């Protein structure tokens, strides 16, 4: 099962959305402490949340810029992965 087929199933199934998040946490372990979570998959849009927890806060108790950058990289990478063919070897 590849990323795109798992993502397609996550559009309609809560179980596959949960499974998709687990797969992402395990395959991208350095993002796991941020607990980024795909909340909704609808058409070409992805909704990803970032919790307001200590690891994502800065010194003035706001969302840290690095956490926001990580969120942007996460969504950009998933969008690119969806747009590119999975077996393109060049």
N, C-alpha and C. Protein backbone atom coordinates (compact mmCIF):
# COMPACT_ATOMS: atom_id res chain seq x y z
N UNK A 1 0.86 -1.18 0.00
CA UNK A 1 0.00 0.00 0.00
C UNK A 1 0.90 1.24 0.00
N UNK A 2 0.66 2.15 -0.92
CA UNK A 2 1.47 3.36 -0.97
C UNK A 2 0.76 4.54 -0.30
N UNK A 3 1.46 5.65 -0.21
CA UNK A 3 0.96 6.83 0.48
C UNK A 3 -0.35 7.34 -0.13
N UNK A 4 -0.41 7.39 -1.45
CA UNK A 4 -1.60 7.92 -2.10
C UNK A 4 -2.83 7.06 -1.87
N UNK A 5 -2.67 5.74 -1.92
CA UNK A 5 -3.84 4.88 -1.70
C UNK A 5 -4.31 4.97 -0.25
N UNK A 6 -3.37 5.07 0.68
CA UNK A 6 -3.72 5.23 2.09
C UNK A 6 -4.43 6.56 2.32
N UNK A 7 -3.95 7.60 1.65
CA UNK A 7 -4.57 8.92 1.78
C UNK A 7 -5.98 8.93 1.18
N UNK A 8 -6.17 8.25 0.08
CA UNK A 8 -7.51 8.16 -0.53
C UNK A 8 -8.49 7.47 0.41
N UNK A 9 -8.04 6.42 1.07
CA UNK A 9 -8.91 5.72 2.01
C UNK A 9 -9.19 6.57 3.25
N UNK A 10 -8.22 7.44 3.61
CA UNK A 10 -8.39 8.31 4.78
C UNK A 10 -9.45 9.38 4.55
N UNK A 11 -9.82 9.62 3.29
CA UNK A 11 -10.87 10.60 3.00
C UNK A 11 -12.22 10.19 3.59
N UNK A 12 -12.47 8.89 3.62
CA UNK A 12 -13.80 8.41 4.02
C UNK A 12 -13.79 7.56 5.28
N UNK A 13 -12.61 7.21 5.78
CA UNK A 13 -12.55 6.29 6.91
C UNK A 13 -11.73 6.88 8.05
N UNK A 14 -12.32 6.93 9.22
CA UNK A 14 -11.61 7.39 10.41
C UNK A 14 -10.45 6.47 10.77
N UNK A 15 -10.65 5.17 10.56
CA UNK A 15 -9.59 4.20 10.85
C UNK A 15 -8.37 4.46 9.97
N UNK A 16 -8.59 4.67 8.66
CA UNK A 16 -7.47 4.91 7.76
C UNK A 16 -6.82 6.27 8.00
N UNK A 17 -7.58 7.24 8.47
CA UNK A 17 -6.99 8.53 8.83
C UNK A 17 -6.07 8.34 10.04
N UNK A 18 -6.51 7.57 11.02
CA UNK A 18 -5.70 7.25 12.18
C UNK A 18 -4.44 6.49 11.75
N UNK A 19 -4.61 5.49 10.89
CA UNK A 19 -3.50 4.69 10.40
C UNK A 19 -2.51 5.56 9.62
N UNK A 20 -3.02 6.48 8.82
CA UNK A 20 -2.19 7.39 8.05
C UNK A 20 -1.32 8.23 8.99
N UNK A 21 -1.90 8.75 10.06
CA UNK A 21 -1.14 9.53 11.04
C UNK A 21 -0.07 8.68 11.70
N UNK A 22 -0.39 7.44 12.06
CA UNK A 22 0.59 6.54 12.68
C UNK A 22 1.75 6.28 11.73
N UNK A 23 1.43 6.04 10.46
CA UNK A 23 2.48 5.80 9.46
C UNK A 23 3.38 7.02 9.34
N UNK A 24 2.80 8.21 9.30
CA UNK A 24 3.61 9.42 9.19
C UNK A 24 4.48 9.63 10.42
N UNK A 25 3.95 9.37 11.61
CA UNK A 25 4.74 9.53 12.83
C UNK A 25 5.92 8.57 12.85
N UNK A 26 5.72 7.37 12.33
CA UNK A 26 6.81 6.38 12.34
C UNK A 26 7.81 6.59 11.22
N UNK A 27 7.37 7.06 10.07
CA UNK A 27 8.29 7.25 8.95
C UNK A 27 9.01 8.59 9.01
N UNK A 28 8.47 9.54 9.75
CA UNK A 28 9.12 10.85 9.94
C UNK A 28 9.24 11.07 11.45
N UNK A 29 10.14 10.33 12.11
CA UNK A 29 10.17 10.33 13.57
C UNK A 29 10.57 11.66 14.20
N UNK A 30 11.32 12.51 13.50
CA UNK A 30 11.73 13.77 14.10
C UNK A 30 10.57 14.76 14.22
N UNK A 31 9.45 14.50 13.56
CA UNK A 31 8.25 15.34 13.70
C UNK A 31 7.29 14.81 14.76
N UNK A 32 7.54 13.62 15.26
CA UNK A 32 6.64 12.99 16.23
C UNK A 32 6.44 13.82 17.50
N UNK A 33 7.47 14.48 18.07
CA UNK A 33 7.23 15.26 19.29
C UNK A 33 6.24 16.42 19.11
N UNK A 34 6.12 16.91 17.88
CA UNK A 34 5.18 18.01 17.62
C UNK A 34 3.73 17.55 17.57
N UNK A 35 3.53 16.26 17.39
CA UNK A 35 2.19 15.64 17.31
C UNK A 35 1.31 16.27 16.23
N UNK A 36 1.90 16.52 15.08
CA UNK A 36 1.12 17.00 13.94
C UNK A 36 0.12 15.92 13.56
N UNK A 37 -1.07 16.33 13.21
CA UNK A 37 -2.12 15.35 12.94
C UNK A 37 -2.94 15.77 11.74
N UNK A 38 -3.09 14.84 10.80
CA UNK A 38 -3.97 15.09 9.66
C UNK A 38 -5.40 14.95 10.17
N UNK A 39 -6.12 16.04 10.15
CA UNK A 39 -7.49 16.06 10.68
C UNK A 39 -8.53 15.75 9.60
N UNK A 40 -8.28 16.26 8.39
CA UNK A 40 -9.28 16.11 7.34
C UNK A 40 -8.60 16.01 5.98
N UNK A 41 -9.11 15.11 5.16
CA UNK A 41 -8.66 14.96 3.78
C UNK A 41 -9.90 15.16 2.93
N UNK A 42 -9.90 16.21 2.12
CA UNK A 42 -11.09 16.54 1.34
C UNK A 42 -10.65 17.03 -0.03
N UNK A 43 -10.91 16.23 -1.06
CA UNK A 43 -10.48 16.60 -2.40
C UNK A 43 -8.96 16.71 -2.45
N UNK A 44 -8.48 17.88 -2.86
CA UNK A 44 -7.04 18.13 -2.90
C UNK A 44 -6.54 18.82 -1.64
N UNK A 45 -7.43 19.07 -0.69
CA UNK A 45 -7.06 19.81 0.51
C UNK A 45 -6.76 18.87 1.68
N UNK A 46 -5.79 19.28 2.48
CA UNK A 46 -5.45 18.57 3.71
C UNK A 46 -5.53 19.57 4.85
N UNK A 47 -6.14 19.16 5.94
CA UNK A 47 -6.21 19.99 7.14
C UNK A 47 -5.36 19.30 8.20
N UNK A 48 -4.31 20.00 8.65
CA UNK A 48 -3.40 19.44 9.64
C UNK A 48 -3.39 20.34 10.86
N UNK A 49 -3.45 19.72 12.03
CA UNK A 49 -3.45 20.51 13.27
C UNK A 49 -2.13 20.33 14.01
N UNK A 50 -1.80 21.33 14.80
CA UNK A 50 -0.64 21.27 15.66
C UNK A 50 -1.11 21.65 17.06
N UNK A 51 -0.94 20.77 18.03
CA UNK A 51 -1.47 21.05 19.37
C UNK A 51 -0.68 22.14 20.10
N UNK A 52 -1.34 22.81 21.00
CA UNK A 52 -0.73 23.85 21.82
C UNK A 52 -0.15 23.21 23.06
N UNK A 53 1.00 22.54 22.87
CA UNK A 53 1.68 21.84 23.96
C UNK A 53 3.05 22.49 24.19
N UNK A 54 3.68 22.12 25.26
CA UNK A 54 4.95 22.74 25.65
C UNK A 54 6.01 22.68 24.55
N UNK A 55 6.14 21.57 23.87
CA UNK A 55 7.16 21.42 22.82
C UNK A 55 6.93 22.36 21.65
N UNK A 56 5.71 22.86 21.48
CA UNK A 56 5.39 23.74 20.36
C UNK A 56 5.32 25.21 20.77
N UNK A 57 5.63 25.50 22.01
CA UNK A 57 5.54 26.89 22.51
C UNK A 57 6.91 27.56 22.53
N UNK A 58 6.89 28.88 22.44
CA UNK A 58 8.12 29.65 22.57
C UNK A 58 8.22 30.25 23.97
N UNK A 59 9.19 31.15 24.19
CA UNK A 59 9.44 31.70 25.51
C UNK A 59 8.35 32.66 26.00
N UNK A 60 7.48 33.12 25.11
CA UNK A 60 6.39 34.00 25.55
C UNK A 60 5.03 33.28 25.48
N UNK A 61 5.09 31.94 25.47
CA UNK A 61 3.91 31.08 25.53
C UNK A 61 3.05 31.14 24.26
N UNK A 62 3.67 31.42 23.14
CA UNK A 62 2.98 31.37 21.85
C UNK A 62 3.50 30.19 21.05
N UNK A 63 2.96 30.00 19.87
CA UNK A 63 3.45 28.92 19.00
C UNK A 63 4.84 29.30 18.48
N UNK A 64 5.78 28.39 18.62
CA UNK A 64 7.14 28.63 18.20
C UNK A 64 7.23 28.68 16.68
N UNK A 65 8.08 29.56 16.15
CA UNK A 65 8.26 29.70 14.71
C UNK A 65 8.74 28.41 14.07
N UNK A 66 9.57 27.66 14.79
CA UNK A 66 10.05 26.38 14.24
C UNK A 66 8.92 25.36 14.14
N UNK A 67 7.98 25.41 15.06
CA UNK A 67 6.83 24.50 14.99
C UNK A 67 5.96 24.86 13.78
N UNK A 68 5.79 26.15 13.52
CA UNK A 68 5.02 26.57 12.34
C UNK A 68 5.74 26.20 11.05
N UNK A 69 7.08 26.34 11.04
CA UNK A 69 7.85 25.95 9.86
C UNK A 69 7.74 24.45 9.62
N UNK A 70 7.77 23.67 10.69
CA UNK A 70 7.64 22.22 10.58
C UNK A 70 6.26 21.86 10.01
N UNK A 71 5.23 22.55 10.48
CA UNK A 71 3.88 22.34 9.96
C UNK A 71 3.82 22.63 8.47
N UNK A 72 4.45 23.73 8.05
CA UNK A 72 4.46 24.09 6.62
C UNK A 72 5.22 23.06 5.79
N UNK A 73 6.36 22.58 6.31
CA UNK A 73 7.11 21.56 5.59
C UNK A 73 6.32 20.26 5.48
N UNK A 74 5.61 19.93 6.52
CA UNK A 74 4.81 18.71 6.57
C UNK A 74 3.72 18.73 5.50
N UNK A 75 2.97 19.83 5.47
CA UNK A 75 1.88 19.93 4.50
C UNK A 75 2.41 20.05 3.07
N UNK A 76 3.53 20.75 2.89
CA UNK A 76 4.13 20.88 1.56
C UNK A 76 4.63 19.53 1.06
N UNK A 77 5.28 18.78 1.94
CA UNK A 77 5.77 17.45 1.55
C UNK A 77 4.65 16.50 1.20
N UNK A 78 3.57 16.53 1.97
CA UNK A 78 2.43 15.66 1.65
C UNK A 78 1.78 16.07 0.34
N UNK A 79 1.69 17.36 0.10
CA UNK A 79 1.09 17.83 -1.16
C UNK A 79 1.95 17.42 -2.35
N UNK A 80 3.26 17.53 -2.23
CA UNK A 80 4.14 17.08 -3.30
C UNK A 80 4.06 15.58 -3.50
N UNK A 81 4.02 14.83 -2.41
CA UNK A 81 3.93 13.37 -2.51
C UNK A 81 2.65 12.94 -3.22
N UNK A 82 1.57 13.71 -3.01
CA UNK A 82 0.31 13.38 -3.69
C UNK A 82 0.38 13.71 -5.16
N UNK A 83 1.10 14.76 -5.51
CA UNK A 83 1.14 15.23 -6.91
C UNK A 83 2.09 14.40 -7.79
N UNK A 84 3.14 13.85 -7.20
CA UNK A 84 4.12 13.10 -7.96
C UNK A 84 3.74 11.63 -8.05
N UNK A 85 4.04 11.00 -9.17
CA UNK A 85 3.77 9.57 -9.29
C UNK A 85 4.63 8.78 -8.28
N UNK A 86 4.06 7.76 -7.64
CA UNK A 86 4.79 7.04 -6.59
C UNK A 86 5.98 6.22 -7.09
N UNK A 87 5.96 5.77 -8.34
CA UNK A 87 7.01 4.90 -8.83
C UNK A 87 7.88 5.57 -9.90
N UNK A 88 7.98 6.87 -9.86
CA UNK A 88 8.78 7.59 -10.84
C UNK A 88 10.26 7.52 -10.46
N UNK A 89 11.03 6.78 -11.22
CA UNK A 89 12.45 6.62 -10.93
C UNK A 89 13.31 7.53 -11.78
N UNK A 90 12.72 8.34 -12.64
CA UNK A 90 13.48 9.31 -13.42
C UNK A 90 13.87 8.75 -14.70
